[in-house]
Amino acid sequence: MANVYVTDRQAHKQTIEINSGNTLMQAITDAGVADLLALCGGVCSCATCHVYIEDAYLDKLPPKTEDEVALLEVSESYRENSRLACQVRLTAAMDGMQTQIAPEE
């Protein structure tokens, strides 16, 4: 089983087991990390699952969709490594990935 490491808004780091095929949003919410609101349920319409992905793993992720970019770019906390966790489909190649939940807006 693969793991990702999630840092919440209080700087607490948690190891989360992941299953290939699930989204990062599913993995984080299933692990009970309260900071990831995911209000739209994963349909890329709210940006409340905004996370920062470790740079070394960015090339292992699918490219951002136009909808994802549109939601992220209006965020005050947008960075080049910003992603919506609902749009990141997990694979074994993401084992060891560090991710941080973005500040709430």
PDB file of N, CA and C in Angstrom:
ATOM      1  N   MET A   1       0.848  -1.183   0.000  1.00  0.00           N
ATOM      2  CA  MET A   1       0.000   0.000   0.000  1.00  0.00           C
ATOM      3  C   MET A   1       0.892   1.244   0.000  1.00  0.00           C
ATOM      4  N   ALA A   2       0.493   2.235  -0.740  1.00  0.00           N
ATOM      5  CA  ALA A   2       1.253   3.480  -0.852  1.00  0.00           C
ATOM      6  C   ALA A   2       0.746   4.500   0.162  1.00  0.00           C
ATOM      7  N   ASN A   3       1.581   5.482   0.463  1.00  0.00           N
ATOM      8  CA  ASN A   3       1.234   6.536   1.416  1.00  0.00           C
ATOM      9  C   ASN A   3       1.503   7.910   0.824  1.00  0.00           C
ATOM     10  N   VAL A   4       0.713   8.889   1.261  1.00  0.00           N
ATOM     11  CA  VAL A   4       1.021  10.299   1.032  1.00  0.00           C
ATOM     12  C   VAL A   4       1.050  10.961   2.399  1.00  0.00           C
ATOM     13  N   TYR A   5       1.695  12.101   2.464  1.00  0.00           N
ATOM     14  CA  TYR A   5       1.841  12.833   3.717  1.00  0.00           C
ATOM     15  C   TYR A   5       1.129  14.165   3.577  1.00  0.00           C
ATOM     16  N   VAL A   6       0.207  14.426   4.485  1.00  0.00           N
ATOM     17  CA  VAL A   6      -0.625  15.627   4.418  1.00  0.00           C
ATOM     18  C   VAL A   6      -0.320  16.510   5.615  1.00  0.00           C
ATOM     19  N   THR A   7      -0.043  17.788   5.350  1.00  0.00           N
ATOM     20  CA  THR A   7       0.141  18.773   6.409  1.00  0.00           C
ATOM     21  C   THR A   7      -1.095  19.649   6.433  1.00  0.00           C
ATOM     22  N   ASP A   8      -1.743  19.724   7.609  1.00  0.00           N
ATOM     23  CA  ASP A   8      -2.965  20.527   7.711  1.00  0.00           C
ATOM     24  C   ASP A   8      -2.623  21.985   8.004  1.00  0.00           C
ATOM     25  N   ARG A   9      -3.638  22.795   8.206  1.00  0.00           N
ATOM     26  CA  ARG A   9      -3.433  24.236   8.404  1.00  0.00           C
ATOM     27  C   ARG A   9      -2.778  24.575   9.738  1.00  0.00           C
ATOM     28  N   GLN A  10      -2.751  23.631  10.662  1.00  0.00           N
ATOM     29  CA  GLN A  10      -2.089  23.846  11.949  1.00  0.00           C
ATOM     30  C   GLN A  10      -0.683  23.253  11.953  1.00  0.00           C
ATOM     31  N   ALA A  11      -0.207  22.874  10.776  1.00  0.00           N
ATOM     32  CA  ALA A  11       1.132  22.302  10.565  1.00  0.00           C
ATOM     33  C   ALA A  11       1.295  20.909  11.157  1.00  0.00           C
ATOM     34  N   HIS A  12       0.184  20.190  11.379  1.00  0.00           N
ATOM     35  CA  HIS A  12       0.254  18.796  11.806  1.00  0.00           C
ATOM     36  C   HIS A  12       0.385  17.926  10.565  1.00  0.00           C
ATOM     37  N   LYS A  13       1.343  17.018  10.603  1.00  0.00           N
ATOM     38  CA  LYS A  13       1.587  16.134   9.461  1.00  0.00           C
ATOM     39  C   LYS A  13       0.962  14.770   9.745  1.00  0.00           C
ATOM     40  N   GLN A  14       0.296  14.220   8.739  1.00  0.00           N
ATOM     41  CA  GLN A  14      -0.380  12.935   8.882  1.00  0.00           C
ATOM     42  C   GLN A  14      -0.024  12.047   7.693  1.00  0.00           C
ATOM     43  N   THR A  15       0.228  10.773   7.967  1.00  0.00           N
ATOM     44  CA  THR A  15       0.464   9.792   6.919  1.00  0.00           C
ATOM     45  C   THR A  15      -0.868   9.161   6.549  1.00  0.00           C
ATOM     46  N   ILE A  16      -1.161   9.128   5.251  1.00  0.00           N
ATOM     47  CA  ILE A  16      -2.437   8.596   4.775  1.00  0.00           C
ATOM     48  C   ILE A  16      -2.162   7.495   3.760  1.00  0.00           C
ATOM     49  N   GLU A  17      -2.789   6.334   3.975  1.00  0.00           N
ATOM     50  CA  GLU A  17      -2.698   5.261   2.989  1.00  0.00           C
ATOM     51  C   GLU A  17      -3.578   5.618   1.802  1.00  0.00           C
ATOM     52  N   ILE A  18      -3.074   5.347   0.607  1.00  0.00           N
ATOM     53  CA  ILE A  18      -3.849   5.673  -0.593  1.00  0.00           C
ATOM     54  C   ILE A  18      -4.119   4.420  -1.416  1.00  0.00           C
ATOM     55  N   ASN A  19      -5.197   4.475  -2.154  1.00  0.00           N
ATOM     56  CA  ASN A  19      -5.542   3.421  -3.102  1.00  0.00           C
ATOM     57  C   ASN A  19      -5.518   4.012  -4.499  1.00  0.00           C
ATOM     58  N   SER A  20      -4.806   3.365  -5.401  1.00  0.00           N
ATOM     59  CA  SER A  20      -4.773   3.829  -6.784  1.00  0.00           C
ATOM     60  C   SER A  20      -6.189   3.893  -7.329  1.00  0.00           C
ATOM     61  N   GLY A  21      -6.463   4.958  -8.071  1.00  0.00           N
ATOM     62  CA  GLY A  21      -7.784   5.147  -8.656  1.00  0.00           C
ATOM     63  C   GLY A  21      -8.655   6.109  -7.889  1.00  0.00           C
ATOM     64  N   ASN A  22      -8.450   6.206  -6.579  1.00  0.00           N
ATOM     65  CA  ASN A  22      -9.191   7.192  -5.789  1.00  0.00           C
ATOM     66  C   ASN A  22      -8.592   8.572  -6.027  1.00  0.00           C
ATOM     67  N   THR A  23      -9.314   9.599  -5.622  1.00  0.00           N
ATOM     68  CA  THR A  23      -8.761  10.948  -5.704  1.00  0.00           C
ATOM     69  C   THR A  23      -8.052  11.281  -4.399  1.00  0.00           C
ATOM     70  N   LEU A  24      -7.171  12.253  -4.477  1.00  0.00           N
ATOM     71  CA  LEU A  24      -6.503  12.739  -3.274  1.00  0.00           C
ATOM     72  C   LEU A  24      -7.533  13.278  -2.289  1.00  0.00           C
ATOM     73  N   MET A  25      -8.579  13.925  -2.785  1.00  0.00           N
ATOM     74  CA  MET A  25      -9.645  14.430  -1.921  1.00  0.00           C
ATOM     75  C   MET A  25     -10.291  13.288  -1.133  1.00  0.00           C
ATOM     76  N   GLN A  26     -10.599  12.178  -1.810  1.00  0.00           N
ATOM     77  CA  GLN A  26     -11.196  11.030  -1.132  1.00  0.00           C
ATOM     78  C   GLN A  26     -10.278  10.502  -0.039  1.00  0.00           C
ATOM     79  N   ALA A  27      -9.002  10.372  -0.351  1.00  0.00           N
ATOM     80  CA  ALA A  27      -8.046   9.840   0.616  1.00  0.00           C
ATOM     81  C   ALA A  27      -7.947  10.735   1.843  1.00  0.00           C
ATOM     82  N   ILE A  28      -7.892  12.044   1.627  1.00  0.00           N
ATOM     83  CA  ILE A  28      -7.753  12.979   2.746  1.00  0.00           C
ATOM     84  C   ILE A  28      -9.025  13.017   3.585  1.00  0.00           C
ATOM     85  N   THR A  29     -10.180  13.073   2.952  1.00  0.00           N
ATOM     86  CA  THR A  29     -11.430  13.117   3.727  1.00  0.00           C
ATOM     87  C   THR A  29     -11.685  11.783   4.422  1.00  0.00           C
ATOM     88  N   ASP A  30     -11.379  10.662   3.770  1.00  0.00           N
ATOM     89  CA  ASP A  30     -11.538   9.353   4.412  1.00  0.00           C
ATOM     90  C   ASP A  30     -10.652   9.223   5.645  1.00  0.00           C
ATOM     91  N   ALA A  31      -9.507   9.909   5.638  1.00  0.00           N
ATOM     92  CA  ALA A  31      -8.588   9.874   6.782  1.00  0.00           C
ATOM     93  C   ALA A  31      -9.040  10.804   7.906  1.00  0.00           C
ATOM     94  N   GLY A  32     -10.091  11.590   7.658  1.00  0.00           N
ATOM     95  CA  GLY A  32     -10.639  12.448   8.706  1.00  0.00           C
ATOM     96  C   GLY A  32      -9.938  13.775   8.884  1.00  0.00           C
ATOM     97  N   VAL A  33      -9.211  14.235   7.872  1.00  0.00           N
ATOM     98  CA  VAL A  33      -8.551  15.537   7.963  1.00  0.00           C
ATOM     99  C   VAL A  33      -9.620  16.613   7.773  1.00  0.00           C
ATOM    100  N   ALA A  34      -9.954  17.312   8.853  1.00  0.00           N
ATOM    101  CA  ALA A  34     -11.086  18.243   8.852  1.00  0.00           C
ATOM    102  C   ALA A  34     -10.844  19.502   8.030  1.00  0.00           C
ATOM    103  N   ASP A  35      -9.598  19.882   7.818  1.00  0.00           N
ATOM    104  CA  ASP A  35      -9.301  21.131   7.105  1.00  0.00           C
ATOM    105  C   ASP A  35      -9.701  21.096   5.632  1.00  0.00           C
ATOM    106  N   LEU A  36      -9.819  19.917   5.055  1.00  0.00           N
ATOM    107  CA  LEU A  36     -10.184  19.809   3.643  1.00  0.00           C
ATOM    108  C   LEU A  36     -11.707  19.718   3.556  1.00  0.00           C
ATOM    109  N   LEU A  37     -12.347  20.832   3.235  1.00  0.00           N
ATOM    110  CA  LEU A  37     -13.806  20.898   3.274  1.00  0.00           C
ATOM    111  C   LEU A  37     -14.473  20.137   2.138  1.00  0.00           C
ATOM    112  N   ALA A  38     -13.976  20.278   0.926  1.00  0.00           N
ATOM    113  CA  ALA A  38     -14.525  19.563  -0.237  1.00  0.00           C
ATOM    114  C   ALA A  38     -16.042  19.712  -0.322  1.00  0.00           C
ATOM    115  N   LEU A  39     -16.513  20.941  -0.269  1.00  0.00           N
ATOM    116  CA  LEU A  39     -17.949  21.220  -0.192  1.00  0.00           C
ATOM    117  C   LEU A  39     -18.742  20.736  -1.395  1.00  0.00           C
ATOM    118  N   CYS A  40     -18.148  20.735  -2.572  1.00  0.00           N
ATOM    119  CA  CYS A  40     -18.901  20.319  -3.765  1.00  0.00           C
ATOM    120  C   CYS A  40     -18.890  18.805  -3.953  1.00  0.00           C
ATOM    121  N   GLY A  41     -18.178  18.093  -3.105  1.00  0.00           N
ATOM    122  CA  GLY A  41     -18.146  16.642  -3.204  1.00  0.00           C
ATOM    123  C   GLY A  41     -17.245  16.095  -4.294  1.00  0.00           C
ATOM    124  N   GLY A  42     -16.412  16.944  -4.855  1.00  0.00           N
ATOM    125  CA  GLY A  42     -15.438  16.459  -5.824  1.00  0.00           C
ATOM    126  C   GLY A  42     -15.787  16.677  -7.277  1.00  0.00           C
ATOM    127  N   VAL A  43     -16.626  17.666  -7.566  1.00  0.00           N
ATOM    128  CA  VAL A  43     -17.014  17.912  -8.959  1.00  0.00           C
ATOM    129  C   VAL A  43     -16.349  19.155  -9.551  1.00  0.00           C
ATOM    130  N   CYS A  44     -15.290  19.634  -8.927  1.00  0.00           N
ATOM    131  CA  CYS A  44     -14.494  20.755  -9.449  1.00  0.00           C
ATOM    132  C   CYS A  44     -15.331  22.021  -9.615  1.00  0.00           C
ATOM    133  N   SER A  45     -16.061  22.377  -8.538  1.00  0.00           N
ATOM    134  CA  SER A  45     -16.864  23.599  -8.640  1.00  0.00           C
ATOM    135  C   SER A  45     -16.722  24.540  -7.456  1.00  0.00           C
ATOM    136  N   CYS A  46     -15.807  24.250  -6.505  1.00  0.00           N
ATOM    137  CA  CYS A  46     -15.763  25.128  -5.334  1.00  0.00           C
ATOM    138  C   CYS A  46     -14.363  25.518  -4.856  1.00  0.00           C
ATOM    139  N   ALA A  47     -13.361  24.754  -5.119  1.00  0.00           N
ATOM    140  CA  ALA A  47     -11.973  25.009  -4.703  1.00  0.00           C
ATOM    141  C   ALA A  47     -11.738  24.896  -3.200  1.00  0.00           C
ATOM    142  N   THR A  48     -12.641  24.252  -2.457  1.00  0.00           N
ATOM    143  CA  THR A  48     -12.410  24.068  -1.022  1.00  0.00           C
ATOM    144  C   THR A  48     -11.560  22.830  -0.727  1.00  0.00           C
ATOM    145  N   CYS A  49     -11.022  22.216  -1.767  1.00  0.00           N
ATOM    146  CA  CYS A  49     -10.066  21.117  -1.587  1.00  0.00           C
ATOM    147  C   CYS A  49      -8.696  21.513  -2.148  1.00  0.00           C
ATOM    148  N   HIS A  50      -8.411  22.814  -2.121  1.00  0.00           N
ATOM    149  CA  HIS A  50      -7.154  23.379  -2.631  1.00  0.00           C
ATOM    150  C   HIS A  50      -5.990  22.874  -1.781  1.00  0.00           C
ATOM    151  N   VAL A  51      -5.007  22.299  -2.447  1.00  0.00           N
ATOM    152  CA  VAL A  51      -3.804  21.809  -1.773  1.00  0.00           C
ATOM    153  C   VAL A  51      -2.571  22.237  -2.560  1.00  0.00           C
ATOM    154  N   TYR A  52      -1.428  22.162  -1.900  1.00  0.00           N
ATOM    155  CA  TYR A  52      -0.133  22.362  -2.548  1.00  0.00           C
ATOM    156  C   TYR A  52       0.535  20.997  -2.652  1.00  0.00           C
ATOM    157  N   ILE A  53       1.057  20.702  -3.815  1.00  0.00           N
ATOM    158  CA  ILE A  53       1.707  19.425  -4.078  1.00  0.00           C
ATOM    159  C   ILE A  53       3.215  19.633  -4.119  1.00  0.00           C
ATOM    160  N   GLU A  54       3.938  18.710  -3.502  1.00  0.00           N
ATOM    161  CA  GLU A  54       5.401  18.748  -3.537  1.00  0.00           C
ATOM    162  C   GLU A  54       5.882  18.806  -4.991  1.00  0.00           C
ATOM    163  N   ASP A  55       6.781  19.749  -5.268  1.00  0.00           N
ATOM    164  CA  ASP A  55       7.241  19.987  -6.643  1.00  0.00           C
ATOM    165  C   ASP A  55       7.744  18.730  -7.346  1.00  0.00           C
ATOM    166  N   ALA A  56       8.424  17.861  -6.629  1.00  0.00           N
ATOM    167  CA  ALA A  56       8.993  16.660  -7.241  1.00  0.00           C
ATOM    168  C   ALA A  56       7.930  15.723  -7.810  1.00  0.00           C
ATOM    169  N   TYR A  57       6.679  15.886  -7.407  1.00  0.00           N
ATOM    170  CA  TYR A  57       5.604  15.004  -7.863  1.00  0.00           C
ATOM    171  C   TYR A  57       4.702  15.644  -8.912  1.00  0.00           C
ATOM    172  N   LEU A  58       4.901  16.908  -9.208  1.00  0.00           N
ATOM    173  CA  LEU A  58       3.998  17.600 -10.135  1.00  0.00           C
ATOM    174  C   LEU A  58       3.950  16.944 -11.508  1.00  0.00           C
ATOM    175  N   ASP A  59       5.080  16.440 -11.981  1.00  0.00           N
ATOM    176  CA  ASP A  59       5.090  15.815 -13.307  1.00  0.00           C
ATOM    177  C   ASP A  59       4.446  14.435 -13.316  1.00  0.00           C
ATOM    178  N   LYS A  60       4.111  13.896 -12.154  1.00  0.00           N
ATOM    179  CA  LYS A  60       3.437  12.597 -12.059  1.00  0.00           C
ATOM    180  C   LYS A  60       1.917  12.750 -12.051  1.00  0.00           C
ATOM    181  N   LEU A  61       1.458  13.999 -12.014  1.00  0.00           N
ATOM    182  CA  LEU A  61       0.023  14.280 -11.967  1.00  0.00           C
ATOM    183  C   LEU A  61      -0.504  14.579 -13.363  1.00  0.00           C
ATOM    184  N   PRO A  62      -1.789  14.334 -13.571  1.00  0.00           N
ATOM    185  CA  PRO A  62      -2.373  14.749 -14.850  1.00  0.00           C
ATOM    186  C   PRO A  62      -2.368  16.271 -14.937  1.00  0.00           C
ATOM    187  N   PRO A  63      -2.360  16.833 -16.137  1.00  0.00           N
ATOM    188  CA  PRO A  63      -2.384  18.294 -16.252  1.00  0.00           C
ATOM    189  C   PRO A  63      -3.677  18.872 -15.682  1.00  0.00           C
ATOM    190  N   LYS A  64      -3.599  20.121 -15.256  1.00  0.00           N
ATOM    191  CA  LYS A  64      -4.786  20.815 -14.745  1.00  0.00           C
ATOM    192  C   LYS A  64      -5.775  21.026 -15.888  1.00  0.00           C
ATOM    193  N   THR A  65      -7.049  20.843 -15.594  1.00  0.00           N
ATOM    194  CA  THR A  65      -8.085  21.132 -16.582  1.00  0.00           C
ATOM    195  C   THR A  65      -8.345  22.636 -16.604  1.00  0.00           C
ATOM    196  N   GLU A  66      -9.016  23.109 -17.627  1.00  0.00           N
ATOM    197  CA  GLU A  66      -9.361  24.534 -17.700  1.00  0.00           C
ATOM    198  C   GLU A  66     -10.218  24.953 -16.509  1.00  0.00           C
ATOM    199  N   ASP A  67     -11.164  24.102 -16.108  1.00  0.00           N
ATOM    200  CA  ASP A  67     -12.019  24.420 -14.959  1.00  0.00           C
ATOM    201  C   ASP A  67     -11.207  24.529 -13.675  1.00  0.00           C
ATOM    202  N   GLU A  68     -10.266  23.617 -13.491  1.00  0.00           N
ATOM    203  CA  GLU A  68      -9.421  23.649 -12.297  1.00  0.00           C
ATOM    204  C   GLU A  68      -8.578  24.918 -12.272  1.00  0.00           C
ATOM    205  N   VAL A  69      -7.975  25.258 -13.390  1.00  0.00           N
ATOM    206  CA  VAL A  69      -7.160  26.474 -13.477  1.00  0.00           C
ATOM    207  C   VAL A  69      -8.004  27.701 -13.161  1.00  0.00           C
ATOM    208  N   ALA A  70      -9.206  27.774 -13.711  1.00  0.00           N
ATOM    209  CA  ALA A  70     -10.082  28.928 -13.481  1.00  0.00           C
ATOM    210  C   ALA A  70     -10.408  29.095 -12.002  1.00  0.00           C
ATOM    211  N   LEU A  71     -10.653  28.002 -11.300  1.00  0.00           N
ATOM    212  CA  LEU A  71     -10.949  28.080  -9.867  1.00  0.00           C
ATOM    213  C   LEU A  71      -9.713  28.447  -9.054  1.00  0.00           C
ATOM    214  N   LEU A  72      -8.580  27.880  -9.397  1.00  0.00           N
ATOM    215  CA  LEU A  72      -7.362  28.128  -8.627  1.00  0.00           C
ATOM    216  C   LEU A  72      -6.812  29.535  -8.817  1.00  0.00           C
ATOM    217  N   GLU A  73      -6.845  30.046 -10.029  1.00  0.00           N
ATOM    218  CA  GLU A  73      -6.213  31.338 -10.307  1.00  0.00           C
ATOM    219  C   GLU A  73      -6.888  32.511  -9.609  1.00  0.00           C
ATOM    220  N   VAL A  74      -8.119  32.369  -9.177  1.00  0.00           N
ATOM    221  CA  VAL A  74      -8.780  33.459  -8.446  1.00  0.00           C
ATOM    222  C   VAL A  74      -8.516  33.371  -6.944  1.00  0.00           C
ATOM    223  N   SER A  75      -7.840  32.331  -6.519  1.00  0.00           N
ATOM    224  CA  SER A  75      -7.520  32.152  -5.109  1.00  0.00           C
ATOM    225  C   SER A  75      -6.375  33.070  -4.696  1.00  0.00           C
ATOM    226  N   GLU A  76      -6.512  33.700  -3.543  1.00  0.00           N
ATOM    227  CA  GLU A  76      -5.439  34.547  -3.004  1.00  0.00           C
ATOM    228  C   GLU A  76      -4.200  33.728  -2.659  1.00  0.00           C
ATOM    229  N   SER A  77      -4.384  32.443  -2.419  1.00  0.00           N
ATOM    230  CA  SER A  77      -3.267  31.590  -2.014  1.00  0.00           C
ATOM    231  C   SER A  77      -2.767  30.695  -3.152  1.00  0.00           C
ATOM    232  N   TYR A  78      -3.078  31.073  -4.395  1.00  0.00           N
ATOM    233  CA  TYR A  78      -2.648  30.295  -5.558  1.00  0.00           C
ATOM    234  C   TYR A  78      -1.127  30.298  -5.685  1.00  0.00           C
ATOM    235  N   ARG A  79      -0.594  29.128  -5.988  1.00  0.00           N
ATOM    236  CA  ARG A  79       0.828  28.942  -6.293  1.00  0.00           C
ATOM    237  C   ARG A  79       0.924  28.055  -7.536  1.00  0.00           C
ATOM    238  N   GLU A  80       2.095  28.000  -8.112  1.00  0.00           N
ATOM    239  CA  GLU A  80       2.278  27.133  -9.285  1.00  0.00           C
ATOM    240  C   GLU A  80       2.024  25.662  -8.952  1.00  0.00           C
ATOM    241  N   ASN A  81       2.264  25.264  -7.694  1.00  0.00           N
ATOM    242  CA  ASN A  81       2.054  23.869  -7.306  1.00  0.00           C
ATOM    243  C   ASN A  81       0.676  23.640  -6.682  1.00  0.00           C
ATOM    244  N   SER A  82      -0.245  24.574  -6.887  1.00  0.00           N
ATOM    245  CA  SER A  82      -1.619  24.421  -6.403  1.00  0.00           C
ATOM    246  C   SER A  82      -2.372  23.406  -7.255  1.00  0.00           C
ATOM    247  N   ARG A  83      -3.174  22.581  -6.582  1.00  0.00           N
ATOM    248  CA  ARG A  83      -4.080  21.659  -7.263  1.00  0.00           C
ATOM    249  C   ARG A  83      -5.357  21.551  -6.443  1.00  0.00           C
ATOM    250  N   LEU A  84      -6.421  21.141  -7.101  1.00  0.00           N
ATOM    251  CA  LEU A  84      -7.635  20.760  -6.389  1.00  0.00           C
ATOM    252  C   LEU A  84      -7.524  19.264  -6.144  1.00  0.00           C
ATOM    253  N   ALA A  85      -7.627  18.865  -4.882  1.00  0.00           N
ATOM    254  CA  ALA A  85      -7.438  17.458  -4.526  1.00  0.00           C
ATOM    255  C   ALA A  85      -8.453  16.551  -5.217  1.00  0.00           C
ATOM    256  N   CYS A  86      -9.612  17.098  -5.564  1.00  0.00           N
ATOM    257  CA  CYS A  86     -10.627  16.296  -6.259  1.00  0.00           C
ATOM    258  C   CYS A  86     -10.226  15.970  -7.691  1.00  0.00           C
ATOM    259  N   GLN A  87      -9.240  16.657  -8.222  1.00  0.00           N
ATOM    260  CA  GLN A  87      -8.807  16.451  -9.603  1.00  0.00           C
ATOM    261  C   GLN A  87      -7.515  15.645  -9.704  1.00  0.00           C
ATOM    262  N   VAL A  88      -6.993  15.209  -8.558  1.00  0.00           N
ATOM    263  CA  VAL A  88      -5.757  14.427  -8.541  1.00  0.00           C
ATOM    264  C   VAL A  88      -6.116  12.959  -8.321  1.00  0.00           C
ATOM    265  N   ARG A  89      -6.065  12.178  -9.394  1.00  0.00           N
ATOM    266  CA  ARG A  89      -6.332  10.741  -9.333  1.00  0.00           C
ATOM    267  C   ARG A  89      -5.039  10.055  -8.895  1.00  0.00           C
ATOM    268  N   LEU A  90      -5.106   9.284  -7.819  1.00  0.00           N
ATOM    269  CA  LEU A  90      -3.918   8.691  -7.211  1.00  0.00           C
ATOM    270  C   LEU A  90      -3.422   7.464  -7.971  1.00  0.00           C
ATOM    271  N   THR A  91      -2.099   7.336  -8.008  1.00  0.00           N
ATOM    272  CA  THR A  91      -1.438   6.166  -8.585  1.00  0.00           C
ATOM    273  C   THR A  91      -0.312   5.751  -7.647  1.00  0.00           C
ATOM    274  N   ALA A  92       0.215   4.567  -7.859  1.00  0.00           N
ATOM    275  CA  ALA A  92       1.337   4.086  -7.042  1.00  0.00           C
ATOM    276  C   ALA A  92       2.553   5.000  -7.170  1.00  0.00           C
ATOM    277  N   ALA A  93       2.681   5.717  -8.281  1.00  0.00           N
ATOM    278  CA  ALA A  93       3.811   6.630  -8.493  1.00  0.00           C
ATOM    279  C   ALA A  93       3.797   7.796  -7.512  1.00  0.00           C
ATOM    280  N   MET A  94       2.689   8.012  -6.833  1.00  0.00           N
ATOM    281  CA  MET A  94       2.577   9.122  -5.885  1.00  0.00           C
ATOM    282  C   MET A  94       2.959   8.716  -4.464  1.00  0.00           C
ATOM    283  N   ASP A  95       3.422   7.483  -4.283  1.00  0.00           N
ATOM    284  CA  ASP A  95       3.854   7.022  -2.965  1.00  0.00           C
ATOM    285  C   ASP A  95       4.933   7.955  -2.428  1.00  0.00           C
ATOM    286  N   GLY A  96       4.733   8.459  -1.218  1.00  0.00           N
ATOM    287  CA  GLY A  96       5.693   9.347  -0.577  1.00  0.00           C
ATOM    288  C   GLY A  96       5.452  10.823  -0.826  1.00  0.00           C
ATOM    289  N   MET A  97       4.450  11.154  -1.628  1.00  0.00           N
ATOM    290  CA  MET A  97       4.173  12.556  -1.975  1.00  0.00           C
ATOM    291  C   MET A  97       3.773  13.365  -0.743  1.00  0.00           C
ATOM    292  N   GLN A  98       4.332  14.567  -0.647  1.00  0.00           N
ATOM    293  CA  GLN A  98       3.987  15.517   0.412  1.00  0.00           C
ATOM    294  C   GLN A  98       2.962  16.492  -0.147  1.00  0.00           C
ATOM    295  N   THR A  99       1.920  16.744   0.608  1.00  0.00           N
ATOM    296  CA  THR A  99       0.920  17.722   0.207  1.00  0.00           C
ATOM    297  C   THR A  99       0.525  18.549   1.419  1.00  0.00           C
ATOM    298  N   GLN A 100       0.162  19.777   1.169  1.00  0.00           N
ATOM    299  CA  GLN A 100      -0.224  20.696   2.245  1.00  0.00           C
ATOM    300  C   GLN A 100      -1.569  21.311   1.891  1.00  0.00           C
ATOM    301  N   ILE A 101      -2.463  21.383   2.864  1.00  0.00           N
ATOM    302  CA  ILE A 101      -3.763  22.003   2.640  1.00  0.00           C
ATOM    303  C   ILE A 101      -3.575  23.514   2.617  1.00  0.00           C
ATOM    304  N   ALA A 102      -4.087  24.140   1.577  1.00  0.00           N
ATOM    305  CA  ALA A 102      -3.946  25.593   1.402  1.00  0.00           C
ATOM    306  C   ALA A 102      -4.767  26.344   2.448  1.00  0.00           C
ATOM    307  N   PRO A 103      -4.409  27.596   2.723  1.00  0.00           N
ATOM    308  CA  PRO A 103      -5.174  28.398   3.689  1.00  0.00           C
ATOM    309  C   PRO A 103      -6.630  28.552   3.256  1.00  0.00           C
ATOM    310  N   GLU A 104      -7.513  28.632   4.232  1.00  0.00           N
ATOM    311  CA  GLU A 104      -8.932  28.853   3.947  1.00  0.00           C
ATOM    312  C   GLU A 104      -9.137  30.305   3.548  1.00  0.00           C
ATOM    313  N   GLU A 105     -10.003  30.527   2.585  1.00  0.00           N
ATOM    314  CA  GLU A 105     -10.278  31.898   2.138  1.00  0.00           C
ATOM    315  C   GLU A 105     -11.691  32.293   2.473  1.00  0.00           C
TER     316      GLU A 105
END
